[in-house]
N, C-alpha and C. Protein backbone atom coordinates (compact mmCIF):
# COMPACT_ATOMS: atom_id res chain seq x y z
N MET A 1 -64.16 -53.72 -108.63
CA MET A 1 -63.15 -53.77 -107.80
C MET A 1 -62.29 -54.94 -107.53
N GLN A 2 -61.06 -55.01 -107.46
CA GLN A 2 -60.03 -56.28 -107.26
C GLN A 2 -60.40 -56.82 -105.75
N ASN A 3 -60.22 -57.95 -105.88
CA ASN A 3 -60.27 -58.78 -104.27
C ASN A 3 -58.83 -58.87 -103.83
N ALA A 4 -58.50 -59.01 -102.70
CA ALA A 4 -57.20 -58.99 -101.79
C ALA A 4 -56.05 -59.84 -102.63
N THR A 5 -56.82 -61.27 -102.85
CA THR A 5 -56.02 -62.12 -103.31
C THR A 5 -55.46 -61.66 -104.82
N ASP A 6 -56.34 -61.07 -105.78
CA ASP A 6 -55.90 -60.49 -107.04
C ASP A 6 -54.52 -59.48 -106.62
N GLN A 7 -54.91 -58.34 -105.62
CA GLN A 7 -54.06 -57.58 -105.66
C GLN A 7 -52.61 -58.12 -105.27
N GLU A 8 -52.74 -59.14 -104.16
CA GLU A 8 -51.69 -59.68 -103.72
C GLU A 8 -50.56 -60.10 -104.86
N GLN A 9 -51.34 -60.76 -105.56
CA GLN A 9 -50.82 -61.45 -106.86
C GLN A 9 -50.35 -60.43 -108.07
N GLN A 10 -50.79 -59.67 -107.86
CA GLN A 10 -50.31 -58.45 -108.81
C GLN A 10 -48.81 -57.89 -108.06
N ALA A 11 -49.06 -57.76 -106.58
CA ALA A 11 -47.93 -57.36 -105.96
C ALA A 11 -46.80 -57.98 -105.97
N LYS A 12 -46.93 -59.29 -106.10
CA LYS A 12 -45.98 -60.19 -106.03
C LYS A 12 -45.16 -60.36 -107.65
N ARG A 13 -45.90 -60.14 -108.76
CA ARG A 13 -45.42 -60.16 -109.68
C ARG A 13 -44.76 -58.81 -110.21
N ILE A 14 -45.14 -57.76 -109.72
CA ILE A 14 -44.47 -56.45 -109.54
C ILE A 14 -43.01 -56.60 -109.03
N VAL A 15 -42.94 -57.14 -108.07
CA VAL A 15 -41.77 -57.48 -107.14
C VAL A 15 -40.94 -58.27 -108.18
N ALA A 16 -41.33 -59.17 -108.55
CA ALA A 16 -40.57 -60.45 -109.41
C ALA A 16 -39.97 -59.34 -110.72
N LEU A 17 -40.87 -58.66 -111.10
CA LEU A 17 -40.20 -57.78 -112.35
C LEU A 17 -39.03 -56.80 -111.79
N ILE A 18 -39.50 -56.30 -110.87
CA ILE A 18 -38.16 -55.33 -110.27
C ILE A 18 -37.14 -55.89 -110.01
N LYS A 19 -36.94 -57.23 -109.06
CA LYS A 19 -36.07 -57.97 -109.00
C LYS A 19 -35.31 -58.24 -110.18
N LYS A 20 -35.86 -58.81 -111.31
CA LYS A 20 -35.20 -58.97 -112.25
C LYS A 20 -34.64 -57.96 -113.43
N GLY A 21 -35.39 -56.74 -113.25
CA GLY A 21 -34.51 -55.62 -113.72
C GLY A 21 -33.33 -55.09 -112.88
N VAL A 22 -33.49 -55.30 -111.66
CA VAL A 22 -32.26 -54.89 -111.07
C VAL A 22 -31.10 -56.17 -111.07
N LYS A 23 -31.53 -57.08 -111.39
CA LYS A 23 -30.59 -58.18 -111.40
C LYS A 23 -29.88 -57.84 -113.09
N ALA A 24 -30.55 -57.67 -113.94
CA ALA A 24 -30.25 -57.37 -115.35
C ALA A 24 -29.45 -56.27 -115.59
N ALA A 25 -29.65 -55.13 -114.59
CA ALA A 25 -29.06 -53.87 -114.77
C ALA A 25 -27.86 -53.87 -114.00
N ALA A 26 -27.36 -54.75 -113.16
CA ALA A 26 -26.30 -54.69 -111.96
C ALA A 26 -25.06 -54.57 -112.91
N PRO A 27 -24.99 -55.33 -114.08
CA PRO A 27 -23.66 -55.34 -114.68
C PRO A 27 -23.10 -53.75 -115.18
N PHE A 28 -24.39 -53.22 -115.68
CA PHE A 28 -24.24 -51.90 -116.41
C PHE A 28 -23.92 -50.88 -115.19
N PHE A 29 -24.56 -51.03 -114.01
CA PHE A 29 -24.13 -50.10 -112.67
C PHE A 29 -22.62 -50.32 -112.31
N ARG A 30 -22.54 -51.52 -112.68
CA ARG A 30 -21.06 -52.28 -112.07
C ARG A 30 -19.82 -51.25 -112.76
N TRP A 31 -20.25 -51.53 -114.18
CA TRP A 31 -19.46 -50.84 -115.25
C TRP A 31 -19.50 -49.20 -115.06
N MET A 32 -20.54 -48.73 -115.03
CA MET A 32 -20.59 -47.25 -114.80
C MET A 32 -19.66 -46.89 -113.51
N ALA A 33 -19.84 -47.71 -112.44
CA ALA A 33 -18.85 -47.23 -111.46
C ALA A 33 -17.66 -47.40 -111.61
N ASP A 34 -17.14 -48.51 -112.25
CA ASP A 34 -15.98 -48.66 -112.57
C ASP A 34 -15.11 -47.55 -113.07
N ASN A 35 -15.95 -47.14 -114.15
CA ASN A 35 -15.39 -45.96 -115.13
C ASN A 35 -15.26 -44.85 -114.48
N ALA A 36 -16.44 -44.32 -113.53
CA ALA A 36 -16.37 -43.29 -112.59
C ALA A 36 -15.27 -42.98 -111.89
N VAL A 37 -14.79 -44.36 -111.44
CA VAL A 37 -13.65 -44.30 -110.24
C VAL A 37 -12.18 -43.93 -111.15
N ARG A 38 -12.47 -44.42 -112.33
CA ARG A 38 -11.06 -44.37 -112.91
C ARG A 38 -10.73 -42.56 -113.56
N GLU A 39 -11.97 -41.93 -113.65
CA GLU A 39 -11.84 -40.66 -114.29
C GLU A 39 -11.45 -39.74 -113.15
N PRO A 40 -10.83 -38.43 -113.38
CA PRO A 40 -10.53 -37.68 -112.10
C PRO A 40 -12.01 -36.63 -111.92
N LYS A 41 -13.07 -36.90 -112.30
CA LYS A 41 -14.05 -36.39 -111.97
C LYS A 41 -15.04 -37.32 -111.00
N PHE A 42 -14.41 -37.03 -109.59
CA PHE A 42 -15.38 -37.73 -108.83
C PHE A 42 -15.34 -36.87 -107.50
N ASN A 43 -16.33 -36.83 -106.88
CA ASN A 43 -16.70 -36.14 -105.54
C ASN A 43 -16.04 -36.69 -104.46
N VAL A 44 -15.68 -35.96 -103.48
CA VAL A 44 -15.16 -36.73 -101.81
C VAL A 44 -15.81 -35.66 -101.11
N ARG A 45 -17.11 -36.20 -100.30
CA ARG A 45 -17.68 -35.51 -99.34
C ARG A 45 -16.75 -35.20 -97.88
N ASN A 46 -16.51 -34.06 -97.64
CA ASN A 46 -15.61 -33.90 -96.35
C ASN A 46 -16.68 -34.22 -95.10
N VAL A 47 -16.58 -35.19 -94.46
CA VAL A 47 -17.25 -35.53 -93.23
C VAL A 47 -16.24 -35.43 -91.83
N GLY A 48 -15.07 -34.66 -92.24
CA GLY A 48 -14.11 -34.53 -91.06
C GLY A 48 -14.77 -34.42 -89.85
N GLY A 49 -15.64 -33.07 -90.04
CA GLY A 49 -16.30 -32.53 -88.58
C GLY A 49 -16.95 -33.87 -87.96
N LYS A 50 -17.71 -34.28 -88.62
CA LYS A 50 -18.27 -35.71 -88.07
C LYS A 50 -17.67 -36.59 -87.25
N LEU A 51 -16.56 -36.90 -88.39
CA LEU A 51 -15.27 -37.81 -87.70
C LEU A 51 -14.52 -37.37 -86.58
N PHE A 52 -14.45 -36.07 -86.37
CA PHE A 52 -13.79 -35.52 -85.24
C PHE A 52 -14.81 -35.43 -84.15
N ALA A 53 -15.85 -35.22 -84.25
CA ALA A 53 -17.09 -35.26 -83.20
C ALA A 53 -17.01 -36.75 -82.55
N ARG A 54 -16.90 -37.68 -83.68
CA ARG A 54 -16.85 -38.93 -83.12
C ARG A 54 -15.73 -39.11 -82.11
N TYR A 55 -14.80 -38.90 -82.46
CA TYR A 55 -13.39 -38.80 -81.72
C TYR A 55 -13.67 -38.33 -80.33
N ILE A 56 -14.01 -36.97 -80.46
CA ILE A 56 -14.05 -36.09 -79.31
C ILE A 56 -15.35 -36.95 -78.38
N TYR A 57 -16.42 -37.31 -78.89
CA TYR A 57 -17.38 -38.20 -78.06
C TYR A 57 -16.73 -39.38 -77.24
N PHE A 58 -15.91 -40.12 -78.03
CA PHE A 58 -15.19 -41.47 -77.39
C PHE A 58 -14.07 -41.09 -76.40
N GLN A 59 -13.35 -39.98 -76.53
CA GLN A 59 -12.64 -39.41 -75.88
C GLN A 59 -13.18 -39.14 -74.54
N ASP A 60 -14.01 -38.17 -74.39
CA ASP A 60 -14.76 -37.94 -73.34
C ASP A 60 -15.47 -38.73 -72.56
N SER A 61 -16.17 -39.85 -73.34
CA SER A 61 -16.80 -41.01 -72.79
C SER A 61 -15.65 -42.15 -71.98
N PHE A 62 -14.19 -41.96 -72.34
CA PHE A 62 -13.21 -42.83 -72.13
C PHE A 62 -12.98 -41.95 -70.77
N ARG A 63 -12.69 -40.69 -70.67
CA ARG A 63 -12.25 -39.89 -69.77
C ARG A 63 -13.49 -40.25 -68.23
N THR A 64 -14.80 -40.03 -68.57
CA THR A 64 -15.60 -40.16 -67.80
C THR A 64 -15.83 -41.59 -67.20
N ALA A 65 -15.75 -42.51 -67.89
CA ALA A 65 -15.80 -43.90 -67.67
C ALA A 65 -14.48 -44.48 -66.90
N SER A 66 -13.28 -43.81 -67.18
CA SER A 66 -12.19 -44.16 -66.19
C SER A 66 -12.17 -43.43 -64.94
N ALA A 67 -12.66 -41.96 -64.64
CA ALA A 67 -12.64 -41.38 -63.51
C ALA A 67 -13.83 -42.18 -62.97
N GLU A 68 -14.77 -42.71 -63.32
CA GLU A 68 -15.79 -43.36 -62.47
C GLU A 68 -15.41 -44.63 -62.12
N ALA A 69 -14.57 -45.38 -62.95
CA ALA A 69 -14.12 -46.68 -62.40
C ALA A 69 -13.01 -46.53 -61.33
N GLU A 70 -12.09 -45.35 -61.43
CA GLU A 70 -11.18 -45.17 -60.27
C GLU A 70 -11.78 -44.80 -59.06
N LYS A 71 -12.89 -44.25 -59.11
CA LYS A 71 -13.65 -43.31 -57.95
C LYS A 71 -14.22 -44.84 -57.31
N ASN A 72 -14.76 -45.39 -57.99
CA ASN A 72 -15.30 -46.65 -57.34
C ASN A 72 -14.77 -47.39 -56.75
N LYS A 73 -13.45 -47.82 -57.34
CA LYS A 73 -12.19 -48.33 -56.92
C LYS A 73 -11.79 -47.91 -55.50
N ARG A 74 -11.47 -46.63 -55.44
CA ARG A 74 -11.01 -45.89 -54.23
C ARG A 74 -12.33 -46.06 -52.93
N ASP A 75 -13.37 -46.20 -53.50
CA ASP A 75 -14.68 -46.16 -52.73
C ASP A 75 -14.60 -47.41 -52.14
N HIS A 76 -14.35 -48.34 -52.79
CA HIS A 76 -14.53 -49.88 -52.46
C HIS A 76 -13.44 -50.14 -51.36
N GLU A 77 -11.98 -49.73 -51.96
CA GLU A 77 -10.83 -49.73 -51.19
C GLU A 77 -11.12 -49.25 -49.71
N ALA A 78 -11.59 -48.01 -49.82
CA ALA A 78 -11.81 -47.32 -48.39
C ALA A 78 -13.23 -48.06 -47.55
N TRP A 79 -14.08 -48.59 -48.05
CA TRP A 79 -14.98 -49.53 -47.63
C TRP A 79 -14.39 -50.72 -46.80
N GLN A 80 -13.44 -51.33 -47.93
CA GLN A 80 -12.88 -52.56 -47.29
C GLN A 80 -11.84 -52.40 -46.00
N THR A 81 -11.18 -51.10 -45.98
CA THR A 81 -10.34 -50.80 -45.09
C THR A 81 -11.01 -50.49 -43.78
N GLN A 82 -12.03 -49.87 -43.99
CA GLN A 82 -12.73 -49.54 -42.60
C GLN A 82 -13.59 -51.05 -42.03
N LEU A 83 -14.10 -51.52 -42.72
CA LEU A 83 -14.39 -53.27 -42.27
C LEU A 83 -13.21 -53.76 -41.41
N GLU A 84 -11.96 -53.31 -41.91
CA GLU A 84 -10.58 -54.23 -41.02
C GLU A 84 -10.03 -53.46 -40.32
N LEU A 85 -10.30 -52.24 -40.23
CA LEU A 85 -9.44 -51.21 -39.22
C LEU A 85 -10.23 -51.52 -37.63
N PRO A 86 -9.29 -52.16 -36.94
CA PRO A 86 -9.80 -52.17 -35.65
C PRO A 86 -9.58 -50.71 -34.73
N VAL A 87 -10.60 -50.39 -34.17
CA VAL A 87 -10.55 -49.13 -33.46
C VAL A 87 -10.74 -49.62 -31.91
N TRP A 88 -9.97 -49.66 -30.87
CA TRP A 88 -10.11 -50.20 -29.35
C TRP A 88 -10.61 -51.60 -29.60
N GLY A 89 -10.42 -52.21 -30.58
CA GLY A 89 -10.49 -53.63 -30.57
C GLY A 89 -11.69 -54.09 -31.35
N TYR A 90 -12.46 -52.91 -31.62
CA TYR A 90 -13.88 -53.08 -32.34
C TYR A 90 -13.48 -52.66 -33.96
N SER A 91 -14.23 -53.05 -34.83
CA SER A 91 -14.26 -52.70 -36.34
C SER A 91 -15.14 -51.29 -36.25
N VAL A 92 -14.81 -50.56 -37.03
CA VAL A 92 -15.80 -49.46 -37.29
C VAL A 92 -17.16 -49.77 -37.84
N LYS A 93 -16.88 -50.73 -38.51
CA LYS A 93 -18.14 -51.49 -39.17
C LYS A 93 -18.17 -52.93 -38.72
N GLU A 94 -18.99 -53.52 -37.79
CA GLU A 94 -18.90 -54.94 -37.69
C GLU A 94 -19.31 -55.69 -38.70
N ARG A 95 -18.44 -56.77 -39.08
CA ARG A 95 -19.01 -57.77 -40.07
C ARG A 95 -20.33 -58.15 -39.97
N SER A 96 -20.97 -58.10 -38.72
CA SER A 96 -22.07 -58.74 -38.60
C SER A 96 -23.38 -57.74 -39.20
N SER A 97 -22.99 -56.44 -39.38
CA SER A 97 -23.75 -55.17 -39.74
C SER A 97 -23.46 -55.10 -41.24
N VAL A 98 -22.88 -55.93 -41.89
CA VAL A 98 -22.74 -55.69 -43.25
C VAL A 98 -24.05 -56.33 -44.03
N THR A 99 -24.50 -55.82 -44.91
CA THR A 99 -25.75 -55.86 -45.76
C THR A 99 -25.39 -56.85 -46.76
N THR A 100 -26.10 -57.95 -47.28
CA THR A 100 -25.92 -58.87 -48.60
C THR A 100 -25.40 -57.83 -49.73
N SER A 101 -26.06 -56.82 -49.85
CA SER A 101 -25.63 -56.20 -50.99
C SER A 101 -24.08 -55.63 -50.98
N GLU A 102 -23.70 -55.13 -49.82
CA GLU A 102 -22.27 -54.95 -49.43
C GLU A 102 -21.57 -56.02 -49.49
N MET A 103 -21.92 -57.23 -48.93
CA MET A 103 -20.99 -58.47 -49.37
C MET A 103 -20.80 -58.73 -50.58
N VAL A 104 -21.86 -58.83 -51.45
CA VAL A 104 -21.95 -59.11 -52.81
C VAL A 104 -20.77 -57.94 -53.47
N ALA A 105 -20.84 -56.58 -53.11
CA ALA A 105 -19.85 -55.59 -53.71
C ALA A 105 -18.40 -56.18 -53.21
N ILE A 106 -18.22 -56.71 -52.07
CA ILE A 106 -16.75 -57.06 -51.65
C ILE A 106 -16.28 -58.17 -52.81
N PHE A 107 -16.94 -59.11 -53.26
CA PHE A 107 -16.77 -59.92 -54.15
C PHE A 107 -16.75 -59.59 -55.66
N THR A 108 -17.72 -58.63 -56.01
CA THR A 108 -17.73 -58.59 -57.54
C THR A 108 -16.96 -57.50 -58.06
N PHE A 109 -16.36 -56.69 -57.30
CA PHE A 109 -15.65 -55.50 -57.70
C PHE A 109 -15.90 -54.76 -59.11
N PRO A 110 -17.32 -54.07 -58.78
CA PRO A 110 -17.70 -53.17 -59.93
C PRO A 110 -17.02 -52.65 -60.72
N TRP A 111 -15.90 -52.05 -60.12
CA TRP A 111 -14.85 -51.09 -60.93
C TRP A 111 -14.18 -51.65 -62.00
N VAL A 112 -13.96 -53.27 -61.89
CA VAL A 112 -13.36 -54.02 -62.88
C VAL A 112 -14.05 -53.91 -64.30
N HIS A 113 -15.49 -54.09 -64.14
CA HIS A 113 -16.36 -53.93 -65.20
C HIS A 113 -16.30 -52.67 -66.01
N MET A 114 -15.89 -51.55 -65.04
CA MET A 114 -15.98 -50.32 -65.36
C MET A 114 -14.65 -49.93 -66.22
N GLU A 115 -13.53 -50.50 -65.64
CA GLU A 115 -12.30 -50.35 -66.05
C GLU A 115 -12.27 -51.27 -67.57
N GLN A 116 -12.87 -52.41 -67.71
CA GLN A 116 -12.94 -53.01 -68.93
C GLN A 116 -13.75 -52.00 -69.83
N ARG A 117 -14.67 -51.37 -69.52
CA ARG A 117 -15.46 -50.41 -70.45
C ARG A 117 -14.88 -49.31 -70.96
N SER A 118 -14.00 -48.65 -69.81
CA SER A 118 -13.11 -47.67 -70.16
C SER A 118 -12.00 -48.00 -71.21
N GLY A 119 -11.57 -49.30 -71.05
CA GLY A 119 -10.44 -49.70 -71.99
C GLY A 119 -11.06 -49.67 -73.59
N TRP A 120 -12.46 -50.33 -73.51
CA TRP A 120 -13.12 -50.36 -74.96
C TRP A 120 -13.33 -48.92 -75.43
N LEU A 121 -13.66 -47.88 -74.62
CA LEU A 121 -13.83 -46.78 -74.90
C LEU A 121 -12.45 -46.22 -75.43
N ALA A 122 -11.41 -46.48 -74.80
CA ALA A 122 -10.07 -45.94 -75.20
C ALA A 122 -9.71 -46.31 -76.66
N LEU A 123 -9.92 -47.81 -76.75
CA LEU A 123 -9.73 -48.12 -78.17
C LEU A 123 -10.62 -47.81 -79.34
N ALA A 124 -12.05 -47.27 -78.88
CA ALA A 124 -12.82 -46.78 -79.69
C ALA A 124 -12.40 -45.42 -80.08
N ALA A 125 -11.92 -44.66 -79.06
CA ALA A 125 -11.15 -43.29 -79.37
C ALA A 125 -10.10 -43.08 -80.11
N ILE A 126 -9.26 -44.22 -80.23
CA ILE A 126 -8.01 -44.26 -80.73
C ILE A 126 -8.48 -44.80 -82.36
N ASP A 127 -9.24 -45.45 -82.74
CA ASP A 127 -9.94 -46.19 -83.81
C ASP A 127 -10.64 -44.57 -84.61
N ALA A 128 -11.46 -43.81 -83.67
CA ALA A 128 -12.07 -42.81 -84.46
C ALA A 128 -10.77 -41.67 -84.74
N PHE A 129 -9.76 -41.69 -83.72
CA PHE A 129 -8.67 -40.66 -84.37
C PHE A 129 -8.22 -41.21 -85.54
N PHE A 130 -7.82 -42.23 -85.72
CA PHE A 130 -7.18 -42.57 -86.91
C PHE A 130 -8.20 -42.38 -87.98
N ALA A 131 -9.31 -42.75 -88.13
CA ALA A 131 -10.14 -42.49 -89.17
C ALA A 131 -10.33 -41.01 -89.54
N TRP A 132 -10.36 -39.88 -88.70
CA TRP A 132 -10.50 -38.89 -88.70
C TRP A 132 -9.38 -38.07 -89.61
N THR A 133 -7.88 -38.60 -88.87
CA THR A 133 -6.61 -38.15 -89.60
C THR A 133 -6.44 -38.81 -90.72
N GLU A 134 -6.95 -40.03 -91.17
CA GLU A 134 -6.79 -40.54 -92.40
C GLU A 134 -8.06 -39.82 -93.62
N HIS A 135 -9.15 -39.47 -92.95
CA HIS A 135 -9.80 -38.73 -93.83
C HIS A 135 -9.48 -37.51 -94.13
N ILE A 136 -8.79 -36.67 -93.24
CA ILE A 136 -8.22 -35.40 -93.56
C ILE A 136 -6.81 -35.50 -94.72
N PHE A 137 -6.01 -36.36 -94.17
CA PHE A 137 -4.91 -36.72 -94.94
C PHE A 137 -5.32 -37.12 -96.39
N ILE A 138 -6.38 -37.66 -96.66
CA ILE A 138 -6.91 -38.22 -97.97
C ILE A 138 -7.38 -36.46 -98.67
N HIS A 139 -8.04 -35.68 -97.86
CA HIS A 139 -8.44 -34.74 -98.66
C HIS A 139 -7.37 -33.64 -98.74
N LEU A 140 -6.69 -33.64 -98.24
CA LEU A 140 -5.19 -32.94 -98.30
C LEU A 140 -4.44 -33.24 -99.69
N ALA A 141 -4.40 -34.78 -99.71
CA ALA A 141 -3.56 -35.30 -101.22
C ALA A 141 -4.40 -34.92 -102.03
N ILE A 142 -5.83 -34.71 -101.98
CA ILE A 142 -6.56 -34.66 -103.31
C ILE A 142 -6.40 -32.97 -103.61
N LEU A 143 -6.55 -32.08 -102.48
CA LEU A 143 -6.36 -30.85 -102.58
C LEU A 143 -4.94 -30.55 -103.20
N GLN A 144 -3.90 -31.21 -103.10
CA GLN A 144 -2.63 -30.75 -103.38
C GLN A 144 -2.20 -31.71 -104.64
N GLY A 145 -3.41 -32.25 -105.41
CA GLY A 145 -3.29 -32.75 -106.57
C GLY A 145 -2.18 -34.07 -106.70
N ARG A 146 -2.06 -34.51 -105.38
CA ARG A 146 -1.36 -35.85 -105.65
C ARG A 146 -2.13 -37.07 -105.93
N ILE A 147 -3.54 -37.15 -105.47
CA ILE A 147 -4.53 -37.72 -105.72
C ILE A 147 -5.56 -37.34 -106.65
N THR A 148 -5.61 -38.15 -107.90
CA THR A 148 -6.71 -37.42 -108.89
C THR A 148 -7.86 -38.30 -109.24
N THR A 149 -7.81 -39.70 -108.93
CA THR A 149 -8.81 -40.64 -109.15
C THR A 149 -9.39 -41.31 -107.89
N GLY A 150 -10.53 -41.94 -107.91
CA GLY A 150 -11.09 -42.85 -106.86
C GLY A 150 -10.25 -44.16 -106.82
N GLU A 151 -9.60 -44.69 -107.78
CA GLU A 151 -8.77 -45.72 -107.74
C GLU A 151 -7.50 -45.24 -107.04
N GLU A 152 -6.88 -44.16 -107.12
CA GLU A 152 -5.84 -43.79 -106.12
C GLU A 152 -6.51 -43.96 -104.53
N VAL A 153 -7.35 -43.25 -104.39
CA VAL A 153 -7.91 -43.15 -103.17
C VAL A 153 -8.20 -44.72 -102.53
N ALA A 154 -8.54 -45.49 -103.24
CA ALA A 154 -8.91 -47.04 -102.79
C ALA A 154 -7.63 -47.52 -102.56
N SER A 155 -6.63 -47.15 -103.50
CA SER A 155 -5.44 -48.14 -103.36
C SER A 155 -4.61 -47.41 -101.91
N LEU A 156 -4.93 -46.23 -101.84
CA LEU A 156 -4.11 -45.64 -100.53
C LEU A 156 -5.09 -46.74 -99.02
N ARG A 157 -6.18 -46.66 -99.38
CA ARG A 157 -6.70 -47.31 -98.32
C ARG A 157 -6.57 -48.68 -98.01
N ILE A 158 -6.20 -49.21 -99.27
CA ILE A 158 -6.14 -50.66 -99.25
C ILE A 158 -4.85 -51.03 -98.46
N ARG A 159 -3.69 -50.14 -98.83
CA ARG A 159 -2.29 -50.32 -98.59
C ARG A 159 -2.38 -49.72 -96.82
N SER A 160 -3.16 -49.01 -96.33
CA SER A 160 -3.33 -48.74 -95.02
C SER A 160 -3.94 -49.94 -94.24
N GLY A 161 -4.57 -51.05 -95.04
CA GLY A 161 -5.16 -52.11 -94.22
C GLY A 161 -6.59 -51.59 -93.92
N ARG A 162 -7.07 -50.49 -94.41
CA ARG A 162 -8.60 -50.34 -94.17
C ARG A 162 -9.34 -50.51 -95.50
N LYS A 163 -10.08 -51.42 -95.76
CA LYS A 163 -10.69 -51.70 -97.15
C LYS A 163 -12.19 -51.40 -97.15
N ASN A 164 -12.66 -50.76 -95.91
CA ASN A 164 -14.15 -50.22 -95.75
C ASN A 164 -14.03 -49.04 -96.58
N LEU A 165 -14.91 -48.93 -97.21
CA LEU A 165 -14.99 -47.44 -98.10
C LEU A 165 -16.26 -46.69 -97.88
N SER A 166 -16.85 -46.76 -96.61
CA SER A 166 -17.87 -46.29 -96.25
C SER A 166 -17.89 -44.61 -96.40
N PRO A 167 -18.82 -44.03 -96.74
CA PRO A 167 -18.80 -42.54 -96.61
C PRO A 167 -18.20 -41.83 -95.42
N LEU A 168 -18.64 -42.48 -94.38
CA LEU A 168 -17.91 -41.95 -93.18
C LEU A 168 -16.35 -41.89 -92.90
N SER A 169 -15.86 -42.94 -93.73
CA SER A 169 -14.23 -43.15 -93.48
C SER A 169 -13.42 -42.71 -94.59
N ILE A 170 -14.30 -42.31 -95.71
CA ILE A 170 -13.49 -41.50 -96.69
C ILE A 170 -12.87 -40.26 -96.49
């Protein structure tokens, strides 16, 4: 039975050989990929459903966050007005009865952070929408025979300014 040191040395040697093999094979696989892209025999996965679901998710998230921010803003403004409206010479809620957390809320404006978040979600929804439509248009072009090679797909994407060729975006 081998001891742990011998096993560790063998494992390191195996890892080194695998890395060396991968490095030696890389040019061959690059050449194979380049040739495959030039030919009209390529597969394109349709992930339009996932991309559309992502768009709907961000759109719904934006609407929820936006409504929540607006509600919090209205609540805050109503509370602020309640502090300032005198009724028979007295405020409905005297400033002396304002708690520390209520005073912090006066100056932190929590809806501002929610508005910022809803803006980010709106931008994510817009990006998801364009990723989905771009994906669908590429599939339509392939089905119509206007695009026949992977190079043509890549050139379309580069012209549109989107160089990322991840499986979820083709």
